[in-house]
Amino acid sequence: GAGGGSNGSRARSDRAAPRTASAGAVSYLAPVVTWELLAEREPALAALQLELSAVRDEGGNSFCANKYWYVRVAPRVTELVGAQAAADDPLLSAPEAYTVAYEVLYRLLPNCRNCVCVPW
C-alpha cells in the first residue's frame, strides 16, 4: 500500500526532472554560439565592439577595466544576450551567448592599472 505509493512517487519525480533535458539542450548550443553569429543576429553587439575598441586608458591615477565593464557595459550586454536578455531568439538568450560576448568584448578594454583589482 503505502510503500508502493512511495516508489511510484519517486519514479514520477525522476521522470519529471526537466533540468537534465534543459542542461543537455543548453550544452548542445555551446559549439554553435560564435561571436560572428551573435553580432549578425544582434547588431547592437557589433556596435558595442566598435565602441569598446575605442576605449583608452586616459592616464590619471588608475584605470579599472572591471569597473568599466560592470558599470558601463555589462548592463547593456545583459539586455542583449544571455539568460536575462529581452531577445526572443533562443540562441541570443542562451547563457553561452553572454559568455561569448563577455570574452570578446572584455578583451577590448585596456588592462587594469593601479586599481583594487591589481594590488601590486
C-alpha atoms as a PDB file:
ATOM      1  CA  GLY A   1       0.000   0.000   0.000  1.00  0.00           C
ATOM      2  CA  ALA A   2       1.960   2.963   1.318  1.00  0.00           C
ATOM      3  CA  GLY A   3       5.318   1.572   0.217  1.00  0.00           C
ATOM      4  CA  GLY A   4       4.088   1.126  -3.356  1.00  0.00           C
ATOM      5  CA  GLY A   5       2.791   4.696  -3.484  1.00  0.00           C
ATOM      6  CA  SER A   6       6.159   5.981  -2.297  1.00  0.00           C
ATOM      7  CA  ASN A   7       8.016   4.113  -5.031  1.00  0.00           C
ATOM      8  CA  GLY A   8       5.566   5.391  -7.618  1.00  0.00           C
ATOM      9  CA  SER A   9       6.092   8.984  -6.472  1.00  0.00           C
ATOM     10  CA  ARG A  10       9.829   8.602  -6.640  1.00  0.00           C
ATOM     11  CA  ALA A  11       9.650   7.222 -10.191  1.00  0.00           C
ATOM     12  CA  ARG A  12       7.403  10.075 -11.285  1.00  0.00           C
ATOM     13  CA  SER A  13       9.732  12.727  -9.872  1.00  0.00           C
ATOM     14  CA  ASP A  14      12.684  11.096 -11.660  1.00  0.00           C
ATOM     15  CA  ARG A  15      10.847  11.177 -14.979  1.00  0.00           C
ATOM     16  CA  ALA A  16       9.672  14.762 -14.428  1.00  0.00           C
ATOM     17  CA  ALA A  17      13.174  16.195 -13.929  1.00  0.00           C
ATOM     18  CA  PRO A  18      13.332  18.788 -16.744  1.00  0.00           C
ATOM     19  CA  ARG A  19      16.723  20.091 -15.606  1.00  0.00           C
ATOM     20  CA  THR A  20      18.527  17.160 -17.177  1.00  0.00           C
ATOM     21  CA  ALA A  21      16.886  17.811 -20.552  1.00  0.00           C
ATOM     22  CA  SER A  22      17.471  21.565 -20.303  1.00  0.00           C
ATOM     23  CA  ALA A  23      21.118  21.180 -19.387  1.00  0.00           C
ATOM     24  CA  GLY A  24      21.607  18.864 -22.360  1.00  0.00           C
ATOM     25  CA  ALA A  25      19.892  21.291 -24.709  1.00  0.00           C
ATOM     26  CA  VAL A  26      21.995  24.213 -23.482  1.00  0.00           C
ATOM     27  CA  SER A  27      25.284  22.343 -23.705  1.00  0.00           C
ATOM     28  CA  TYR A  28      24.298  21.334 -27.220  1.00  0.00           C
ATOM     29  CA  LEU A  29      24.167  25.036 -28.157  1.00  0.00           C
ATOM     30  CA  ALA A  30      27.673  25.759 -26.881  1.00  0.00           C
ATOM     31  CA  PRO A  31      29.540  24.774 -30.085  1.00  0.00           C
ATOM     32  CA  VAL A  32      27.282  26.899 -32.296  1.00  0.00           C
ATOM     33  CA  VAL A  33      27.484  30.138 -30.297  1.00  0.00           C
ATOM     34  CA  THR A  34      30.106  32.244 -32.049  1.00  0.00           C
ATOM     35  CA  TRP A  35      30.771  35.960 -31.903  1.00  0.00           C
ATOM     36  CA  GLU A  36      30.104  36.306 -35.629  1.00  0.00           C
ATOM     37  CA  LEU A  37      26.701  34.667 -35.325  1.00  0.00           C
ATOM     38  CA  LEU A  38      25.761  36.728 -32.261  1.00  0.00           C
ATOM     39  CA  ALA A  39      26.808  40.004 -33.918  1.00  0.00           C
ATOM     40  CA  GLU A  40      24.861  39.069 -37.039  1.00  0.00           C
ATOM     41  CA  ARG A  41      21.696  38.347 -35.065  1.00  0.00           C
ATOM     42  CA  GLU A  42      22.112  41.328 -32.712  1.00  0.00           C
ATOM     43  CA  PRO A  43      23.721  44.327 -34.464  1.00  0.00           C
ATOM     44  CA  ALA A  44      23.969  46.227 -31.165  1.00  0.00           C
ATOM     45  CA  LEU A  45      26.752  43.801 -30.199  1.00  0.00           C
ATOM     46  CA  ALA A  46      28.796  44.849 -33.233  1.00  0.00           C
ATOM     47  CA  ALA A  47      28.232  48.480 -32.256  1.00  0.00           C
ATOM     48  CA  LEU A  48      29.469  47.718 -28.733  1.00  0.00           C
ATOM     49  CA  GLN A  49      32.546  46.058 -30.219  1.00  0.00           C
ATOM     50  CA  LEU A  50      33.389  49.252 -32.106  1.00  0.00           C
ATOM     51  CA  GLU A  51      32.692  51.381 -29.051  1.00  0.00           C
ATOM     52  CA  LEU A  52      34.899  49.300 -26.748  1.00  0.00           C
ATOM     53  CA  SER A  53      37.677  49.179 -29.337  1.00  0.00           C
ATOM     54  CA  ALA A  54      37.937  52.936 -28.899  1.00  0.00           C
ATOM     55  CA  VAL A  55      38.209  52.896 -25.079  1.00  0.00           C
ATOM     56  CA  ARG A  56      41.603  54.105 -23.891  1.00  0.00           C
ATOM     57  CA  ASP A  57      43.271  54.378 -20.520  1.00  0.00           C
ATOM     58  CA  GLU A  58      43.473  58.161 -20.418  1.00  0.00           C
ATOM     59  CA  GLY A  59      46.021  58.213 -17.629  1.00  0.00           C
ATOM     60  CA  GLY A  60      45.242  59.702 -14.286  1.00  0.00           C
ATOM     61  CA  ASN A  61      45.669  57.794 -11.042  1.00  0.00           C
ATOM     62  CA  SER A  62      44.171  54.498 -12.223  1.00  0.00           C
ATOM     63  CA  PHE A  63      42.029  52.632 -14.708  1.00  0.00           C
ATOM     64  CA  CYS A  64      39.825  49.681 -13.762  1.00  0.00           C
ATOM     65  CA  ALA A  65      38.586  47.521 -16.632  1.00  0.00           C
ATOM     66  CA  ASN A  66      36.312  45.623 -14.255  1.00  0.00           C
ATOM     67  CA  LYS A  67      34.599  48.781 -13.059  1.00  0.00           C
ATOM     68  CA  TYR A  68      34.219  49.977 -16.644  1.00  0.00           C
ATOM     69  CA  TRP A  69      32.730  46.619 -17.662  1.00  0.00           C
ATOM     70  CA  TYR A  70      30.324  46.152 -14.768  1.00  0.00           C
ATOM     71  CA  VAL A  71      29.127  49.761 -14.624  1.00  0.00           C
ATOM     72  CA  ARG A  72      29.013  50.750 -18.300  1.00  0.00           C
ATOM     73  CA  VAL A  73      28.959  47.602 -20.399  1.00  0.00           C
ATOM     74  CA  ALA A  74      27.539  44.567 -18.579  1.00  0.00           C
ATOM     75  CA  PRO A  75      24.036  46.027 -18.115  1.00  0.00           C
ATOM     76  CA  ARG A  76      23.820  46.662 -21.850  1.00  0.00           C
ATOM     77  CA  VAL A  77      25.168  43.223 -22.785  1.00  0.00           C
ATOM     78  CA  THR A  78      22.751  41.557 -20.342  1.00  0.00           C
ATOM     79  CA  GLU A  79      19.824  43.179 -22.169  1.00  0.00           C
ATOM     80  CA  LEU A  80      21.080  41.818 -25.497  1.00  0.00           C
ATOM     81  CA  VAL A  81      22.281  38.283 -24.771  1.00  0.00           C
ATOM     82  CA  GLY A  82      22.166  35.605 -22.103  1.00  0.00           C
ATOM     83  CA  ALA A  83      19.550  34.214 -19.763  1.00  0.00           C
ATOM     84  CA  GLN A  84      18.165  37.661 -18.841  1.00  0.00           C
ATOM     85  CA  ALA A  85      18.098  39.028 -22.385  1.00  0.00           C
ATOM     86  CA  ALA A  86      14.951  40.502 -23.853  1.00  0.00           C
ATOM     87  CA  ALA A  87      15.617  38.584 -27.084  1.00  0.00           C
ATOM     88  CA  ASP A  88      13.096  36.114 -28.486  1.00  0.00           C
ATOM     89  CA  ASP A  89      15.912  34.309 -30.290  1.00  0.00           C
ATOM     90  CA  PRO A  90      16.872  31.137 -28.349  1.00  0.00           C
ATOM     91  CA  LEU A  91      20.483  31.483 -29.419  1.00  0.00           C
ATOM     92  CA  LEU A  92      20.743  35.052 -28.099  1.00  0.00           C
ATOM     93  CA  SER A  93      19.060  34.089 -24.835  1.00  0.00           C
ATOM     94  CA  ALA A  94      21.328  31.090 -24.200  1.00  0.00           C
ATOM     95  CA  PRO A  95      23.726  31.571 -21.260  1.00  0.00           C
ATOM     96  CA  GLU A  96      26.619  30.751 -23.596  1.00  0.00           C
ATOM     97  CA  ALA A  97      25.763  33.835 -25.641  1.00  0.00           C
ATOM     98  CA  TYR A  98      26.619  36.072 -22.679  1.00  0.00           C
ATOM     99  CA  THR A  99      29.829  34.142 -22.073  1.00  0.00           C
ATOM    100  CA  VAL A 100      30.954  34.566 -25.676  1.00  0.00           C
ATOM    101  CA  ALA A 101      30.042  38.267 -25.694  1.00  0.00           C
ATOM    102  CA  TYR A 102      31.916  38.797 -22.424  1.00  0.00           C
ATOM    103  CA  GLU A 103      35.030  37.006 -23.687  1.00  0.00           C
ATOM    104  CA  VAL A 104      35.138  39.018 -26.905  1.00  0.00           C
ATOM    105  CA  LEU A 105      34.153  42.441 -25.573  1.00  0.00           C
ATOM    106  CA  TYR A 106      36.019  42.488 -22.253  1.00  0.00           C
ATOM    107  CA  ARG A 107      39.324  41.794 -24.009  1.00  0.00           C
ATOM    108  CA  LEU A 108      38.927  45.054 -25.904  1.00  0.00           C
ATOM    109  CA  LEU A 109      39.250  47.096 -22.714  1.00  0.00           C
ATOM    110  CA  PRO A 110      42.635  48.367 -21.547  1.00  0.00           C
ATOM    111  CA  ASN A 111      44.216  46.437 -18.696  1.00  0.00           C
ATOM    112  CA  CYS A 112      43.556  47.470 -15.130  1.00  0.00           C
ATOM    113  CA  ARG A 113      46.165  49.856 -13.757  1.00  0.00           C
ATOM    114  CA  ASN A 114      46.649  50.954 -10.138  1.00  0.00           C
ATOM    115  CA  CYS A 115      43.176  49.815  -9.079  1.00  0.00           C
ATOM    116  CA  VAL A 116      41.918  47.467  -6.376  1.00  0.00           C
ATOM    117  CA  CYS A 117      41.884  44.652  -8.956  1.00  0.00           C
ATOM    118  CA  VAL A 118      45.662  44.905  -9.258  1.00  0.00           C
ATOM    119  CA  PRO A 119      47.016  45.296  -5.714  1.00  0.00           C
ATOM    120  CA  TRP A 120      50.711  45.018  -6.619  1.00  0.00           C
END
